[in-house]
């Protein structure tokens, strides 16, 4: 990012520092949301794995939750989710 001064008459009341602070707060809030999403996913996946470990069939988990077979498969096997996510990252990087 290039730090170029803005001509004073191009804005009125907000300072450059205020704008930078606003964006920093926005980015920090996004990071908090990402962490909360990761925690929600962890808790949900642990619950789905518990259901499976206690004898519930995958097809029944799909039916009860309304999740796709793929979503349940990734929840039941975290290594699968990581492999799928890694493949997505690789495809994006190669574009």
N, C-alpha and C. Protein backbone atom coordinates (compact mmCIF):
# COMPACT_ATOMS: atom_id res chain seq x y z
N UNK A 1 0.84 -1.17 0.00
CA UNK A 1 0.00 0.00 0.00
C UNK A 1 0.89 1.24 0.00
N UNK A 2 0.58 2.16 -0.87
CA UNK A 2 1.33 3.41 -0.96
C UNK A 2 0.66 4.44 -0.08
N UNK A 3 1.43 5.07 0.77
CA UNK A 3 0.90 6.08 1.68
C UNK A 3 1.04 7.43 1.02
N UNK A 4 -0.01 7.86 0.34
CA UNK A 4 0.01 9.15 -0.35
C UNK A 4 -0.89 10.12 0.40
N UNK A 5 -0.40 11.30 0.67
CA UNK A 5 -1.24 12.28 1.37
C UNK A 5 -2.41 12.70 0.48
N UNK A 6 -3.52 12.98 1.12
CA UNK A 6 -4.69 13.46 0.41
C UNK A 6 -4.69 14.98 0.50
N UNK A 7 -4.98 15.59 -0.59
CA UNK A 7 -5.04 17.05 -0.60
C UNK A 7 -6.11 17.50 0.40
N UNK A 8 -5.83 18.48 1.25
CA UNK A 8 -6.74 18.87 2.32
C UNK A 8 -8.15 19.20 1.86
N UNK A 9 -8.33 19.72 0.66
CA UNK A 9 -9.67 20.11 0.24
C UNK A 9 -10.47 18.92 -0.31
N UNK A 10 -9.87 17.72 -0.35
CA UNK A 10 -10.58 16.56 -0.88
C UNK A 10 -11.42 15.84 0.17
N UNK A 11 -11.31 16.19 1.39
CA UNK A 11 -12.15 15.63 2.44
C UNK A 11 -12.40 16.72 3.46
N UNK A 12 -13.40 16.51 4.29
CA UNK A 12 -13.76 17.60 5.19
C UNK A 12 -13.37 17.34 6.63
N UNK A 13 -14.05 16.41 7.30
CA UNK A 13 -13.85 16.27 8.74
C UNK A 13 -13.01 15.06 9.14
N UNK A 14 -13.09 14.01 8.39
CA UNK A 14 -12.37 12.79 8.78
C UNK A 14 -10.89 12.94 8.43
N UNK A 15 -10.04 12.59 9.40
CA UNK A 15 -8.60 12.65 9.15
C UNK A 15 -8.13 11.33 8.56
N UNK A 16 -6.96 11.34 7.99
CA UNK A 16 -6.38 10.11 7.46
C UNK A 16 -6.19 9.08 8.57
N UNK A 17 -5.78 9.52 9.75
CA UNK A 17 -5.61 8.60 10.88
C UNK A 17 -6.94 7.99 11.30
N UNK A 18 -8.00 8.76 11.29
CA UNK A 18 -9.32 8.22 11.63
C UNK A 18 -9.74 7.14 10.64
N UNK A 19 -9.48 7.38 9.36
CA UNK A 19 -9.81 6.39 8.35
C UNK A 19 -8.98 5.12 8.53
N UNK A 20 -7.69 5.29 8.81
CA UNK A 20 -6.84 4.12 9.07
C UNK A 20 -7.33 3.34 10.29
N UNK A 21 -7.72 4.06 11.35
CA UNK A 21 -8.25 3.42 12.55
C UNK A 21 -9.55 2.66 12.25
N UNK A 22 -10.40 3.25 11.43
CA UNK A 22 -11.64 2.60 11.05
C UNK A 22 -11.37 1.27 10.34
N UNK A 23 -10.44 1.28 9.40
CA UNK A 23 -10.11 0.06 8.65
C UNK A 23 -9.45 -0.97 9.57
N UNK A 24 -8.60 -0.52 10.49
CA UNK A 24 -7.97 -1.44 11.44
C UNK A 24 -9.04 -2.10 12.32
N UNK A 25 -10.02 -1.33 12.77
CA UNK A 25 -11.10 -1.89 13.59
C UNK A 25 -11.93 -2.87 12.78
N UNK A 26 -12.19 -2.54 11.53
CA UNK A 26 -12.94 -3.44 10.64
C UNK A 26 -12.19 -4.77 10.48
N UNK A 27 -10.89 -4.68 10.22
CA UNK A 27 -10.09 -5.89 10.05
C UNK A 27 -10.04 -6.72 11.34
N UNK A 28 -9.93 -6.05 12.48
CA UNK A 28 -9.91 -6.76 13.77
C UNK A 28 -11.24 -7.46 14.01
N UNK A 29 -12.34 -6.80 13.69
CA UNK A 29 -13.66 -7.43 13.86
C UNK A 29 -13.79 -8.65 12.95
N UNK A 30 -13.25 -8.55 11.74
CA UNK A 30 -13.28 -9.69 10.82
C UNK A 30 -12.49 -10.87 11.37
N UNK A 31 -11.36 -10.58 11.98
CA UNK A 31 -10.55 -11.65 12.57
C UNK A 31 -11.30 -12.32 13.73
N UNK A 32 -12.02 -11.51 14.52
CA UNK A 32 -12.81 -12.08 15.62
C UNK A 32 -13.94 -12.96 15.08
N UNK A 33 -14.57 -12.53 14.01
CA UNK A 33 -15.63 -13.34 13.40
C UNK A 33 -15.07 -14.64 12.85
N UNK A 34 -13.90 -14.57 12.23
CA UNK A 34 -13.26 -15.79 11.71
C UNK A 34 -12.99 -16.77 12.84
N UNK A 35 -12.50 -16.26 13.97
CA UNK A 35 -12.22 -17.13 15.12
C UNK A 35 -13.51 -17.74 15.67
N UNK A 36 -14.57 -16.94 15.72
CA UNK A 36 -15.85 -17.45 16.21
C UNK A 36 -16.41 -18.51 15.26
N UNK A 37 -16.27 -18.29 13.96
CA UNK A 37 -16.72 -19.28 12.98
C UNK A 37 -15.96 -20.58 13.12
N UNK A 38 -14.66 -20.48 13.35
CA UNK A 38 -13.84 -21.69 13.52
C UNK A 38 -14.28 -22.46 14.76
N UNK A 39 -14.61 -21.74 15.82
CA UNK A 39 -15.07 -22.39 17.06
C UNK A 39 -16.43 -23.05 16.84
N UNK A 40 -17.33 -22.36 16.16
CA UNK A 40 -18.65 -22.95 15.86
C UNK A 40 -18.49 -24.23 15.05
N UNK A 41 -17.62 -24.20 14.07
CA UNK A 41 -17.38 -25.38 13.24
C UNK A 41 -16.81 -26.53 14.07
N UNK A 42 -15.87 -26.21 14.95
CA UNK A 42 -15.25 -27.23 15.81
C UNK A 42 -16.29 -27.90 16.69
N UNK A 43 -17.15 -27.09 17.33
CA UNK A 43 -18.17 -27.62 18.23
C UNK A 43 -19.16 -28.48 17.45
N UNK A 44 -19.61 -27.99 16.30
CA UNK A 44 -20.55 -28.76 15.50
C UNK A 44 -19.96 -30.09 15.05
N UNK A 45 -18.73 -30.03 14.55
CA UNK A 45 -18.09 -31.25 14.06
C UNK A 45 -17.88 -32.26 15.17
N UNK A 46 -17.49 -31.80 16.35
CA UNK A 46 -17.33 -32.71 17.49
C UNK A 46 -18.67 -33.39 17.83
N UNK A 47 -19.75 -32.63 17.76
CA UNK A 47 -21.06 -33.20 18.02
C UNK A 47 -21.46 -34.23 16.98
N UNK A 48 -21.17 -33.95 15.71
CA UNK A 48 -21.49 -34.91 14.65
C UNK A 48 -20.64 -36.17 14.79
N UNK A 49 -19.37 -36.01 15.16
CA UNK A 49 -18.51 -37.18 15.37
C UNK A 49 -18.99 -38.00 16.56
N UNK A 50 -19.46 -37.32 17.60
CA UNK A 50 -20.01 -38.04 18.76
C UNK A 50 -21.22 -38.86 18.34
N UNK A 51 -22.11 -38.25 17.55
CA UNK A 51 -23.30 -38.98 17.08
C UNK A 51 -22.88 -40.22 16.30
N UNK A 52 -21.87 -40.07 15.45
CA UNK A 52 -21.39 -41.21 14.65
C UNK A 52 -20.75 -42.26 15.55
N UNK A 53 -19.93 -41.82 16.49
CA UNK A 53 -19.25 -42.76 17.40
C UNK A 53 -20.23 -43.51 18.29
N UNK A 54 -21.38 -42.91 18.53
CA UNK A 54 -22.39 -43.55 19.37
C UNK A 54 -23.39 -44.37 18.56
N UNK A 55 -23.05 -44.59 17.27
CA UNK A 55 -23.82 -45.53 16.47
C UNK A 55 -24.75 -44.96 15.43
N UNK A 56 -24.86 -43.65 15.33
CA UNK A 56 -25.75 -43.09 14.33
C UNK A 56 -25.10 -43.22 12.95
N UNK A 57 -25.88 -43.65 11.99
CA UNK A 57 -25.35 -43.82 10.63
C UNK A 57 -25.19 -42.45 9.96
N UNK A 58 -24.23 -42.36 9.06
CA UNK A 58 -23.98 -41.12 8.35
C UNK A 58 -25.23 -40.67 7.59
N UNK A 59 -25.92 -41.61 6.97
CA UNK A 59 -27.12 -41.28 6.21
C UNK A 59 -28.18 -40.66 7.12
N UNK A 60 -28.26 -41.13 8.36
CA UNK A 60 -29.22 -40.57 9.32
C UNK A 60 -28.80 -39.18 9.77
N UNK A 61 -27.51 -38.97 9.95
CA UNK A 61 -27.00 -37.64 10.31
C UNK A 61 -27.35 -36.65 9.21
N UNK A 62 -27.17 -37.05 7.96
CA UNK A 62 -27.52 -36.20 6.81
C UNK A 62 -29.00 -35.86 6.84
N UNK A 63 -29.82 -36.87 7.03
CA UNK A 63 -31.28 -36.68 7.02
C UNK A 63 -31.73 -35.75 8.15
N UNK A 64 -31.19 -35.96 9.35
CA UNK A 64 -31.62 -35.20 10.52
C UNK A 64 -31.14 -33.75 10.45
N UNK A 65 -29.88 -33.55 10.02
CA UNK A 65 -29.31 -32.20 10.03
C UNK A 65 -29.68 -31.39 8.80
N UNK A 66 -29.94 -32.08 7.69
CA UNK A 66 -30.19 -31.36 6.45
C UNK A 66 -28.90 -30.97 5.74
N UNK A 67 -27.76 -31.37 6.32
CA UNK A 67 -26.47 -31.08 5.68
C UNK A 67 -26.27 -32.03 4.50
N UNK A 68 -25.43 -31.60 3.57
CA UNK A 68 -25.11 -32.47 2.44
C UNK A 68 -24.23 -33.63 2.92
N UNK A 69 -24.20 -34.68 2.11
CA UNK A 69 -23.33 -35.82 2.43
C UNK A 69 -21.88 -35.36 2.54
N UNK A 70 -21.49 -34.44 1.66
CA UNK A 70 -20.10 -33.95 1.67
C UNK A 70 -19.79 -33.18 2.95
N UNK A 71 -20.70 -32.34 3.39
CA UNK A 71 -20.49 -31.59 4.63
C UNK A 71 -20.33 -32.53 5.81
N UNK A 72 -21.18 -33.53 5.88
CA UNK A 72 -21.10 -34.50 6.98
C UNK A 72 -19.81 -35.31 6.87
N UNK A 73 -19.45 -35.70 5.66
CA UNK A 73 -18.21 -36.46 5.47
C UNK A 73 -17.00 -35.67 5.99
N UNK A 74 -16.94 -34.38 5.66
CA UNK A 74 -15.82 -33.55 6.12
C UNK A 74 -15.86 -33.35 7.64
N UNK A 75 -17.07 -33.25 8.19
CA UNK A 75 -17.19 -33.08 9.65
C UNK A 75 -16.73 -34.33 10.38
N UNK A 76 -17.05 -35.49 9.82
CA UNK A 76 -16.68 -36.74 10.47
C UNK A 76 -15.20 -37.08 10.31
N UNK A 77 -14.57 -36.49 9.33
CA UNK A 77 -13.15 -36.78 9.07
C UNK A 77 -12.41 -35.48 8.80
N UNK A 78 -11.86 -34.83 9.84
CA UNK A 78 -11.20 -33.54 9.66
C UNK A 78 -10.05 -33.56 8.65
N UNK A 79 -9.40 -34.72 8.48
CA UNK A 79 -8.32 -34.80 7.49
C UNK A 79 -8.87 -34.61 6.08
N UNK A 80 -10.08 -35.07 5.84
CA UNK A 80 -10.72 -34.88 4.54
C UNK A 80 -10.96 -33.39 4.31
N UNK A 81 -11.50 -32.70 5.32
CA UNK A 81 -11.73 -31.26 5.18
C UNK A 81 -10.44 -30.54 4.87
N UNK A 82 -9.38 -30.87 5.58
CA UNK A 82 -8.10 -30.19 5.36
C UNK A 82 -7.58 -30.47 3.95
N UNK A 83 -7.71 -31.69 3.48
CA UNK A 83 -7.26 -32.03 2.13
C UNK A 83 -8.07 -31.26 1.08
N UNK A 84 -9.37 -31.16 1.28
CA UNK A 84 -10.22 -30.42 0.34
C UNK A 84 -9.85 -28.94 0.36
N UNK A 85 -9.68 -28.38 1.54
CA UNK A 85 -9.32 -26.96 1.65
C UNK A 85 -7.96 -26.69 1.04
N UNK A 86 -7.02 -27.59 1.24
CA UNK A 86 -5.68 -27.42 0.66
C UNK A 86 -5.75 -27.47 -0.86
N UNK A 87 -6.55 -28.36 -1.40
CA UNK A 87 -6.70 -28.44 -2.85
C UNK A 87 -7.32 -27.16 -3.40
N UNK A 88 -8.28 -26.60 -2.68
CA UNK A 88 -8.89 -25.32 -3.10
C UNK A 88 -7.85 -24.21 -3.11
N UNK A 89 -7.02 -24.16 -2.05
CA UNK A 89 -5.98 -23.13 -1.99
C UNK A 89 -5.00 -23.28 -3.14
N UNK A 90 -4.64 -24.52 -3.44
CA UNK A 90 -3.70 -24.77 -4.55
C UNK A 90 -4.29 -24.32 -5.88
N UNK A 91 -5.59 -24.62 -6.08
CA UNK A 91 -6.23 -24.21 -7.34
C UNK A 91 -6.28 -22.70 -7.45
N UNK A 92 -6.60 -22.01 -6.36
CA UNK A 92 -6.64 -20.54 -6.39
C UNK A 92 -5.26 -19.96 -6.66
N UNK A 93 -4.25 -20.54 -6.05
CA UNK A 93 -2.89 -20.03 -6.21
C UNK A 93 -2.38 -20.22 -7.63
N UNK A 94 -2.88 -21.24 -8.32
CA UNK A 94 -2.39 -21.52 -9.67
C UNK A 94 -3.09 -20.69 -10.74
N UNK A 95 -4.08 -19.91 -10.35
CA UNK A 95 -4.82 -19.08 -11.33
C UNK A 95 -4.05 -17.86 -11.72
